[in-house]
Structure formats: structure tokens, C-alpha cells
Amino acid sequence: MKEGIVFIAPLGARDKKTVIFKEIVSQCSGSDYSSVLYITPSAFGQREAGRQFFSYLKSSPGKKVYIPFRSQSLKKLCADLYEAYGKEYIISDCIKPLVFCEILGEKNIGHAYLLSELMSKIRHYIFDKELGQLKEDIKSHIFEEKTRDRAVRSIGILEAYEKELKEKGLIDFDGAVRQSIPFVREHVSPPILVLDGFFDPTPLEMEVIKTLIERSDKVYALVEEGAEFLKFF
């Protein structure tokens, strides 16, 4: 990253995106904003950014026709990159509990759903460790035998889940986000990066964001006052 600006918005502020839109317009020649990659934490935020930018330009003289910026949620960007450059097919989150049910050999969808949630948490908060290493950490740090055995057994089921997906040429959504980081580094280099709406990204999301920032020439971030994300800057 060569340069960047962080705009801090008061909680509940109206028209807070205006400062970002002004920067985008000032940095882009003519009415071509395609050099901007606008990243939000959700699909709703992505749609709102496009809609509000259209309204902003509509009120500006001579800005009726334009080439819009590329707007995506962080997860959609990662999924698109993995679909383009990864090897496995991404399954939806609703399929994950069914895979766990198959592994467990039971119809207890509640148990399967809890394991699915555990897998997602591990992907996002301990993304830099493989399950085998995590299992060894559990063995060495949990001394109460019953608790340790249950935790190790759960990680063992997660390992079986990973193996099942790999054998079938599949990957879950969180796994695709994790595996997309090298693809972000290799294939994404926006002249202008905008980060808007992030409040408390998970460690995995932060790793993707850091990589995007490193690959960008200019970065503009709009962060609400009091957001955990502000500590990063």
C-alpha cells in the first residue's frame, strides 16, 4: 500500500458514505470508476454502496452516465477467486450438517449443526493451524480427562469431515475463504481499495483484508467510532 485515509464516522451518522464517494470521484478521471474495488462485510452493504453511489452521482451535474466501481462483499470476493483458481467445488453452509450426519451415522441434526458451527469457528479464529496440530494442543492444555477426551473426539470428527470433503472434491465456504488468501495475493491489485462497514472482523477476515491492503495502491476505509476494526489502523 502506498497511501491511505481512514474516515471515522460517529455512530448512527447519516450520509457517512459521502466522504468516501467524494474521494472516489476526485481520484477517477471522467466517469470511469472501474479502478475502485469497494469491499463490504455483507451482500446488503454491497448493494447499499452501489445504490447510494448512484444517488450521489445523480445529484452531481454531468454524472448521469458512468462506469461503476466493482463492489463485493469480502466473502463473495474470496468465493469468486476460489471458484476461478481453486480445485474443489464449494458447498453451501446448509450442506455441512448433512455431511456430519453421514459421518456420525445418525439423524441427530442438532449435534451435526453444533459440529458444523465448531468447524466454522475454528476456520475463522484459529485459521493458521491444521486440525491435527489443534488436537495436540488440546491434549497438552486440557488436563481434565473427560473434557479432554470429548474435545479430542470432536476434533477427530472434524478431521473425518475434512477428509470426506477432500475425497469428494469439495470444500466448504469457510475453507474456501481460507484457501483464497494466496489467490488474493496473486490476482487482486486494485489501484483504489475502499473498505466500508467493517466493525469486528474475525482473524481470518482480517488476514484477507491485510492482504488486500498490501496489494492496493490507495486505501480508503470508513469505520464507525468504537469499532474493533479501528484498532487495526
Protein backbone atom coordinates (compact mmCIF):
# COMPACT_ATOMS: atom_id res chain seq x y z
CA MET A 1 0.00 0.00 0.00
CA LYS A 2 1.36 3.41 -0.96
CA GLU A 3 -1.12 5.66 0.89
CA GLY A 4 -4.43 5.57 2.70
CA ILE A 5 -7.03 7.53 4.65
CA VAL A 6 -9.31 6.30 7.44
CA PHE A 7 -12.58 8.17 7.94
CA ILE A 8 -14.13 7.73 11.40
CA ALA A 9 -17.91 8.12 11.41
CA PRO A 10 -19.94 8.84 14.56
CA LEU A 11 -22.37 6.06 15.46
CA GLY A 12 -25.64 6.46 13.57
CA ALA A 13 -24.31 9.24 11.33
CA ARG A 14 -26.35 9.89 8.18
CA ASP A 15 -24.82 10.22 4.70
CA LYS A 16 -21.50 9.00 6.10
CA LYS A 17 -20.55 7.43 2.76
CA THR A 18 -20.42 10.88 1.13
CA VAL A 19 -16.79 11.42 2.20
CA ILE A 20 -15.80 8.16 0.51
CA PHE A 21 -17.76 8.98 -2.64
CA LYS A 22 -16.05 12.38 -2.88
CA GLU A 23 -12.66 10.69 -2.73
CA ILE A 24 -13.64 8.16 -5.41
CA VAL A 25 -14.83 10.90 -7.77
CA SER A 26 -11.72 13.02 -7.17
CA GLN A 27 -9.37 10.09 -7.82
CA CYS A 28 -11.01 8.81 -11.02
CA SER A 29 -10.84 10.57 -14.36
CA GLY A 30 -14.02 11.23 -16.32
CA SER A 31 -16.86 8.97 -15.27
CA ASP A 32 -14.90 5.72 -15.11
CA TYR A 33 -14.79 4.30 -11.57
CA SER A 34 -13.80 0.76 -12.57
CA SER A 35 -10.38 1.14 -10.91
CA VAL A 36 -12.10 1.07 -7.50
CA LEU A 37 -12.65 -2.16 -5.56
CA TYR A 38 -15.33 -1.45 -2.94
CA ILE A 39 -15.41 -4.14 -0.22
CA THR A 40 -18.11 -4.53 2.44
CA PRO A 41 -18.74 -7.23 5.09
CA SER A 42 -22.12 -8.28 3.65
CA ALA A 43 -24.11 -8.54 0.43
CA PHE A 44 -26.56 -5.97 1.83
CA GLY A 45 -23.72 -3.48 2.36
CA GLN A 46 -22.54 -4.14 -1.18
CA ARG A 47 -25.96 -3.34 -2.65
CA GLU A 48 -26.33 -0.24 -0.48
CA ALA A 49 -22.95 1.09 -1.58
CA GLY A 50 -23.91 0.82 -5.25
CA ARG A 51 -27.35 2.32 -4.68
CA GLN A 52 -26.07 5.26 -2.63
CA PHE A 53 -23.24 5.98 -5.06
CA PHE A 54 -25.79 6.12 -7.89
CA SER A 55 -27.90 8.60 -5.86
CA TYR A 56 -24.77 10.65 -5.09
CA LEU A 57 -23.80 10.91 -8.77
CA LYS A 58 -27.39 11.58 -9.80
CA SER A 59 -27.31 14.78 -7.76
CA SER A 60 -23.98 15.84 -9.34
CA PRO A 61 -24.01 17.75 -12.63
CA GLY A 62 -22.64 15.86 -15.63
CA LYS A 63 -22.55 12.50 -13.83
CA LYS A 64 -25.61 10.80 -15.29
CA VAL A 65 -23.67 8.14 -17.21
CA TYR A 66 -20.71 6.34 -15.64
CA ILE A 67 -18.78 3.07 -15.36
CA PRO A 68 -19.45 1.83 -11.79
CA PHE A 69 -16.89 0.59 -9.32
CA ARG A 70 -16.55 -3.10 -8.55
CA SER A 71 -18.50 -3.76 -5.36
CA GLN A 72 -18.36 -7.08 -3.47
CA SER A 73 -18.69 -8.48 0.00
CA LEU A 74 -15.43 -9.84 1.38
CA LYS A 75 -16.72 -13.43 1.39
CA LYS A 76 -18.05 -13.17 -2.18
CA LEU A 77 -14.69 -11.88 -3.38
CA CYS A 78 -12.95 -14.87 -1.76
CA ALA A 79 -15.51 -17.34 -3.11
CA ASP A 80 -15.19 -15.95 -6.65
CA LEU A 81 -11.40 -16.20 -6.50
CA TYR A 82 -11.54 -19.76 -5.22
CA GLU A 83 -14.05 -20.78 -7.90
CA ALA A 84 -11.72 -19.31 -10.52
CA TYR A 85 -8.41 -20.70 -9.27
CA GLY A 86 -9.15 -23.40 -6.67
CA LYS A 87 -9.58 -27.10 -7.28
CA GLU A 88 -12.61 -28.15 -5.25
CA TYR A 89 -16.31 -27.31 -5.62
CA ILE A 90 -17.67 -25.05 -2.85
CA ILE A 91 -20.65 -26.46 -0.96
CA SER A 92 -23.24 -24.24 0.72
CA ASP A 93 -23.40 -23.95 4.52
CA CYS A 94 -26.70 -25.84 4.65
CA ILE A 95 -24.97 -28.96 3.28
CA LYS A 96 -22.34 -29.08 6.06
CA PRO A 97 -24.61 -30.56 8.80
CA LEU A 98 -25.74 -33.27 6.37
CA VAL A 99 -22.13 -34.31 5.79
CA PHE A 100 -21.62 -34.52 9.56
CA CYS A 101 -24.79 -36.63 9.88
CA GLU A 102 -23.36 -39.03 7.32
CA ILE A 103 -20.06 -39.26 9.22
CA LEU A 104 -21.79 -39.73 12.58
CA GLY A 105 -24.15 -42.35 11.14
CA GLU A 106 -27.11 -40.79 12.91
CA LYS A 107 -30.02 -38.47 12.24
CA ASN A 108 -29.30 -36.06 15.08
CA ILE A 109 -29.16 -32.84 13.07
CA GLY A 110 -28.68 -30.82 16.27
CA HIS A 111 -25.37 -32.49 17.05
CA ALA A 112 -24.32 -32.19 13.41
CA TYR A 113 -25.20 -28.49 13.38
CA LEU A 114 -23.07 -27.85 16.51
CA LEU A 115 -20.10 -29.58 14.87
CA SER A 116 -20.65 -27.50 11.75
CA GLU A 117 -20.59 -24.32 13.85
CA LEU A 118 -17.46 -25.51 15.66
CA MET A 119 -15.74 -26.07 12.32
CA SER A 120 -16.66 -22.57 11.20
CA LYS A 121 -15.32 -21.01 14.42
CA ILE A 122 -12.03 -22.87 14.09
CA ARG A 123 -11.68 -21.77 10.46
CA HIS A 124 -12.16 -18.12 11.41
CA TYR A 125 -10.39 -17.88 14.76
CA ILE A 126 -7.61 -20.50 14.55
CA PHE A 127 -7.17 -20.41 10.78
CA ASP A 128 -3.36 -20.72 10.93
CA LYS A 129 -3.43 -24.21 12.48
CA GLU A 130 -4.35 -27.57 10.98
CA LEU A 131 -6.75 -29.77 12.93
CA GLY A 132 -4.03 -32.28 13.81
CA GLN A 133 -1.95 -29.57 15.47
CA LEU A 134 -5.03 -28.27 17.28
CA LYS A 135 -5.73 -31.77 18.58
CA GLU A 136 -2.22 -32.00 20.02
CA ASP A 137 -2.65 -28.57 21.67
CA ILE A 138 -5.86 -29.77 23.30
CA LYS A 139 -4.14 -32.90 24.63
CA SER A 140 -1.36 -30.84 26.23
CA HIS A 141 -3.50 -27.99 27.63
CA ILE A 142 -6.68 -29.67 28.93
CA PHE A 143 -5.94 -31.78 31.99
CA GLU A 144 -9.46 -32.85 33.00
CA GLU A 145 -9.71 -36.26 31.34
CA LYS A 146 -13.40 -36.33 30.42
CA THR A 147 -13.34 -32.82 28.92
CA ARG A 148 -10.11 -33.55 27.04
CA ASP A 149 -11.46 -36.80 25.57
CA ARG A 150 -14.66 -35.13 24.38
CA ALA A 151 -12.71 -32.29 22.76
CA VAL A 152 -10.28 -34.68 21.06
CA ARG A 153 -13.18 -36.83 19.84
CA SER A 154 -14.88 -33.74 18.36
CA ILE A 155 -11.70 -32.69 16.54
CA GLY A 156 -11.42 -36.24 15.24
CA ILE A 157 -14.90 -35.91 13.69
CA LEU A 158 -13.86 -32.60 12.13
CA GLU A 159 -10.83 -34.34 10.62
CA ALA A 160 -13.12 -37.01 9.19
CA TYR A 161 -15.28 -34.22 7.75
CA GLU A 162 -12.26 -32.61 6.07
CA LYS A 163 -11.22 -35.97 4.65
CA GLU A 164 -14.74 -36.68 3.38
CA LEU A 165 -14.90 -33.38 1.52
CA LYS A 166 -11.43 -33.79 0.06
CA GLU A 167 -12.18 -37.28 -1.24
CA LYS A 168 -15.29 -35.96 -2.98
CA GLY A 169 -13.52 -32.91 -4.44
CA LEU A 170 -15.45 -30.49 -2.22
CA ILE A 171 -14.65 -27.62 0.13
CA ASP A 172 -16.89 -25.63 2.46
CA PHE A 173 -17.33 -21.86 2.27
CA ASP A 174 -15.07 -21.03 5.22
CA GLY A 175 -12.38 -23.33 3.87
CA ALA A 176 -12.58 -21.55 0.52
CA VAL A 177 -12.12 -18.17 2.23
CA ARG A 178 -9.03 -19.51 3.99
CA GLN A 179 -7.60 -21.04 0.81
CA SER A 180 -8.32 -17.90 -1.25
CA ILE A 181 -5.67 -15.76 0.50
CA PRO A 182 -2.86 -16.78 -1.92
CA PHE A 183 -5.22 -16.03 -4.82
CA VAL A 184 -5.88 -12.55 -3.42
CA ARG A 185 -2.12 -12.03 -3.27
CA GLU A 186 -1.60 -13.25 -6.84
CA HIS A 187 -4.62 -11.92 -8.71
CA VAL A 188 -6.01 -8.82 -6.95
CA SER A 189 -4.19 -5.47 -7.19
CA PRO A 190 -6.72 -2.62 -7.25
CA PRO A 191 -5.47 0.94 -7.80
CA ILE A 192 -8.05 2.07 -5.22
CA LEU A 193 -9.44 -0.10 -2.40
CA VAL A 194 -12.40 1.01 -0.27
CA LEU A 195 -13.26 -0.79 2.98
CA ASP A 196 -16.69 0.14 4.28
CA GLY A 197 -18.83 -1.17 7.14
CA PHE A 198 -16.41 -3.49 8.93
CA PHE A 199 -16.93 -3.47 12.69
CA ASP A 200 -15.32 -6.56 14.22
CA PRO A 201 -13.75 -8.81 11.55
CA THR A 202 -12.67 -12.32 12.54
CA PRO A 203 -8.92 -13.13 12.42
CA LEU A 204 -9.46 -14.92 9.09
CA GLU A 205 -11.29 -11.93 7.62
CA MET A 206 -8.54 -9.64 8.92
CA GLU A 207 -5.93 -11.73 7.14
CA VAL A 208 -7.81 -11.29 3.85
CA ILE A 209 -8.18 -7.55 4.49
CA LYS A 210 -4.45 -7.17 5.27
CA THR A 211 -3.60 -8.93 2.02
CA LEU A 212 -5.96 -6.64 0.07
CA ILE A 213 -4.39 -3.57 1.67
CA GLU A 214 -0.87 -4.78 0.82
CA ARG A 215 -1.91 -5.27 -2.81
CA SER A 216 -3.57 -1.86 -3.26
CA ASP A 217 -2.07 1.48 -4.31
CA LYS A 218 -4.53 3.60 -2.32
CA VAL A 219 -6.83 2.59 0.52
CA TYR A 220 -9.84 4.42 1.92
CA ALA A 221 -11.59 3.00 4.97
CA LEU A 222 -14.87 4.16 6.50
CA VAL A 223 -15.08 2.92 10.10
CA GLU A 224 -17.63 3.65 12.79
CA GLU A 225 -16.47 5.18 16.05
CA GLY A 226 -15.86 2.45 18.63
CA ALA A 227 -15.42 -0.35 16.10
CA GLU A 228 -12.86 -3.05 16.89
CA PHE A 229 -11.67 -2.69 13.29
CA LEU A 230 -10.40 0.79 14.14
CA LYS A 231 -7.69 -0.74 16.38
CA PHE A 232 -6.09 -2.28 13.31
CA PHE A 233 -5.39 1.17 11.85
